[in-house]
């Protein structure tokens, strides 16, 4: 991995793809919930500069929308095939509740 020292922090200088950033966002959602996703946390978890996240997602809103879309794709698709499983329904309900409670908090 290519790293550079920046104010005491090692930054990942390898190109981080949009998909890698979204994978980290999905991890944050799974661990802490959707409301915990923010640009600085994502940059920190990816070990990249904050500006690199903004390169792919110009705003937090766009990052959150892409994250939600990515989570739904994980829930409903696997290798291009739609999954319909009882556990999938439970995850859908939890996801909808999480999104709803988050959106209620936005002014």
C-alpha atoms as a PDB file:
ATOM      1  CA  UNK A   1       0.000   0.000   0.000  1.00  0.00           C
ATOM      2  CA  UNK A   2       1.258   3.480  -0.843  1.00  0.00           C
ATOM      3  CA  UNK A   3       1.015   5.777   2.177  1.00  0.00           C
ATOM      4  CA  UNK A   4       2.093   9.334   2.904  1.00  0.00           C
ATOM      5  CA  UNK A   5       2.510  11.000   6.270  1.00  0.00           C
ATOM      6  CA  UNK A   6       0.064  13.887   6.816  1.00  0.00           C
ATOM      7  CA  UNK A   7       0.129  15.613  10.170  1.00  0.00           C
ATOM      8  CA  UNK A   8       0.882  12.376  11.992  1.00  0.00           C
ATOM      9  CA  UNK A   9      -1.633  10.264  10.066  1.00  0.00           C
ATOM     10  CA  UNK A  10      -0.769   7.796   7.329  1.00  0.00           C
ATOM     11  CA  UNK A  11      -3.006   8.352   4.301  1.00  0.00           C
ATOM     12  CA  UNK A  12      -3.721   5.686   1.726  1.00  0.00           C
ATOM     13  CA  UNK A  13      -2.404   7.108  -1.542  1.00  0.00           C
ATOM     14  CA  UNK A  14      -3.644   4.197  -3.643  1.00  0.00           C
ATOM     15  CA  UNK A  15      -6.701   5.125  -5.646  1.00  0.00           C
ATOM     16  CA  UNK A  16      -9.777   4.312  -3.583  1.00  0.00           C
ATOM     17  CA  UNK A  17     -12.776   3.519  -5.722  1.00  0.00           C
ATOM     18  CA  UNK A  18     -16.341   4.612  -5.204  1.00  0.00           C
ATOM     19  CA  UNK A  19     -17.195   0.972  -4.498  1.00  0.00           C
ATOM     20  CA  UNK A  20     -14.548   0.730  -1.766  1.00  0.00           C
ATOM     21  CA  UNK A  21     -15.927   3.856  -0.112  1.00  0.00           C
ATOM     22  CA  UNK A  22     -19.467   2.450  -0.281  1.00  0.00           C
ATOM     23  CA  UNK A  23     -18.262  -0.840   1.205  1.00  0.00           C
ATOM     24  CA  UNK A  24     -16.939   1.099   4.207  1.00  0.00           C
ATOM     25  CA  UNK A  25     -20.261   2.977   4.418  1.00  0.00           C
ATOM     26  CA  UNK A  26     -22.141  -0.341   4.483  1.00  0.00           C
ATOM     27  CA  UNK A  27     -19.889  -1.494   7.340  1.00  0.00           C
ATOM     28  CA  UNK A  28     -20.645   1.697   9.281  1.00  0.00           C
ATOM     29  CA  UNK A  29     -24.401   1.242   8.714  1.00  0.00           C
ATOM     30  CA  UNK A  30     -24.197  -2.377   9.896  1.00  0.00           C
ATOM     31  CA  UNK A  31     -22.165  -1.480  12.995  1.00  0.00           C
ATOM     32  CA  UNK A  32     -23.560   1.902  14.033  1.00  0.00           C
ATOM     33  CA  UNK A  33     -26.618   2.713  11.909  1.00  0.00           C
ATOM     34  CA  UNK A  34     -27.232   5.082   9.015  1.00  0.00           C
ATOM     35  CA  UNK A  35     -27.152   8.209  11.147  1.00  0.00           C
ATOM     36  CA  UNK A  36     -23.477   7.530  11.958  1.00  0.00           C
ATOM     37  CA  UNK A  37     -22.338   7.834   8.332  1.00  0.00           C
ATOM     38  CA  UNK A  38     -20.492  11.097   7.744  1.00  0.00           C
ATOM     39  CA  UNK A  39     -17.745  12.281   5.434  1.00  0.00           C
ATOM     40  CA  UNK A  40     -15.000  12.479   8.079  1.00  0.00           C
ATOM     41  CA  UNK A  41     -15.688   9.030   9.519  1.00  0.00           C
ATOM     42  CA  UNK A  42     -15.734   7.490   6.045  1.00  0.00           C
ATOM     43  CA  UNK A  43     -12.439   9.183   5.129  1.00  0.00           C
ATOM     44  CA  UNK A  44     -10.911   8.009   8.402  1.00  0.00           C
ATOM     45  CA  UNK A  45     -12.086   4.401   7.954  1.00  0.00           C
ATOM     46  CA  UNK A  46     -10.840   4.382   4.339  1.00  0.00           C
ATOM     47  CA  UNK A  47      -7.560   5.926   5.479  1.00  0.00           C
ATOM     48  CA  UNK A  48      -7.867   8.645   2.810  1.00  0.00           C
ATOM     49  CA  UNK A  49      -8.073  12.436   2.835  1.00  0.00           C
ATOM     50  CA  UNK A  50     -11.493  13.999   3.322  1.00  0.00           C
ATOM     51  CA  UNK A  51     -11.201  15.617  -0.118  1.00  0.00           C
ATOM     52  CA  UNK A  52     -10.968  12.166  -1.694  1.00  0.00           C
ATOM     53  CA  UNK A  53     -14.437  11.311  -0.392  1.00  0.00           C
ATOM     54  CA  UNK A  54     -15.765  14.599  -1.804  1.00  0.00           C
ATOM     55  CA  UNK A  55     -14.202  13.655  -5.135  1.00  0.00           C
ATOM     56  CA  UNK A  56     -16.713  10.800  -5.429  1.00  0.00           C
ATOM     57  CA  UNK A  57     -19.571  12.280  -3.382  1.00  0.00           C
ATOM     58  CA  UNK A  58     -19.941  16.086  -3.567  1.00  0.00           C
ATOM     59  CA  UNK A  59     -22.183  16.197  -0.488  1.00  0.00           C
ATOM     60  CA  UNK A  60     -23.182  14.165   2.534  1.00  0.00           C
ATOM     61  CA  UNK A  61     -26.654  13.804   1.005  1.00  0.00           C
ATOM     62  CA  UNK A  62     -25.206  12.164  -2.093  1.00  0.00           C
ATOM     63  CA  UNK A  63     -23.046   9.884   0.057  1.00  0.00           C
ATOM     64  CA  UNK A  64     -26.084   8.842   2.120  1.00  0.00           C
ATOM     65  CA  UNK A  65     -28.253   8.232  -0.949  1.00  0.00           C
ATOM     66  CA  UNK A  66     -25.532   6.114  -2.552  1.00  0.00           C
ATOM     67  CA  UNK A  67     -25.083   4.227   0.730  1.00  0.00           C
ATOM     68  CA  UNK A  68     -28.812   3.517   1.010  1.00  0.00           C
ATOM     69  CA  UNK A  69     -28.895   2.337  -2.599  1.00  0.00           C
ATOM     70  CA  UNK A  70     -25.862   0.137  -1.972  1.00  0.00           C
ATOM     71  CA  UNK A  71     -27.433  -1.403   1.148  1.00  0.00           C
ATOM     72  CA  UNK A  72     -30.642  -2.165  -0.767  1.00  0.00           C
ATOM     73  CA  UNK A  73     -28.638  -3.732  -3.584  1.00  0.00           C
ATOM     74  CA  UNK A  74     -26.900  -5.959  -1.035  1.00  0.00           C
ATOM     75  CA  UNK A  75     -30.227  -6.968   0.469  1.00  0.00           C
ATOM     76  CA  UNK A  76     -32.087  -7.745  -2.741  1.00  0.00           C
ATOM     77  CA  UNK A  77     -29.444  -8.850  -5.205  1.00  0.00           C
ATOM     78  CA  UNK A  78     -26.744 -11.453  -5.325  1.00  0.00           C
ATOM     79  CA  UNK A  79     -24.898 -12.067  -8.576  1.00  0.00           C
ATOM     80  CA  UNK A  80     -27.642 -10.292 -10.488  1.00  0.00           C
ATOM     81  CA  UNK A  81     -30.427 -12.494  -9.088  1.00  0.00           C
ATOM     82  CA  UNK A  82     -33.179 -11.161  -6.870  1.00  0.00           C
ATOM     83  CA  UNK A  83     -33.372 -12.910  -3.510  1.00  0.00           C
ATOM     84  CA  UNK A  84     -36.653 -13.390  -1.693  1.00  0.00           C
ATOM     85  CA  UNK A  85     -35.918 -14.854   1.696  1.00  0.00           C
ATOM     86  CA  UNK A  86     -37.715 -14.558   5.044  1.00  0.00           C
ATOM     87  CA  UNK A  87     -34.593 -13.012   6.594  1.00  0.00           C
ATOM     88  CA  UNK A  88     -34.515 -10.510   3.764  1.00  0.00           C
ATOM     89  CA  UNK A  89     -37.927  -9.196   4.785  1.00  0.00           C
ATOM     90  CA  UNK A  90     -36.743  -8.647   8.344  1.00  0.00           C
ATOM     91  CA  UNK A  91     -33.669  -6.741   7.113  1.00  0.00           C
ATOM     92  CA  UNK A  92     -35.890  -4.635   4.846  1.00  0.00           C
ATOM     93  CA  UNK A  93     -38.154  -3.671   7.712  1.00  0.00           C
ATOM     94  CA  UNK A  94     -35.157  -2.734   9.886  1.00  0.00           C
ATOM     95  CA  UNK A  95     -33.626  -0.728   7.044  1.00  0.00           C
ATOM     96  CA  UNK A  96     -36.848   1.170   6.401  1.00  0.00           C
ATOM     97  CA  UNK A  97     -37.217   1.956  10.114  1.00  0.00           C
ATOM     98  CA  UNK A  98     -33.611   3.134  10.276  1.00  0.00           C
ATOM     99  CA  UNK A  99     -34.025   5.354   7.210  1.00  0.00           C
ATOM    100  CA  UNK A 100     -37.335   6.725   8.476  1.00  0.00           C
ATOM    101  CA  UNK A 101     -35.959   7.595  11.913  1.00  0.00           C
ATOM    102  CA  UNK A 102     -32.915   9.228  10.313  1.00  0.00           C
ATOM    103  CA  UNK A 103     -34.970  11.322   7.893  1.00  0.00           C
ATOM    104  CA  UNK A 104     -37.214  12.538  10.701  1.00  0.00           C
ATOM    105  CA  UNK A 105     -34.119  14.046  12.376  1.00  0.00           C
ATOM    106  CA  UNK A 106     -33.101  16.069   9.297  1.00  0.00           C
ATOM    107  CA  UNK A 107     -34.299  19.698   9.530  1.00  0.00           C
END
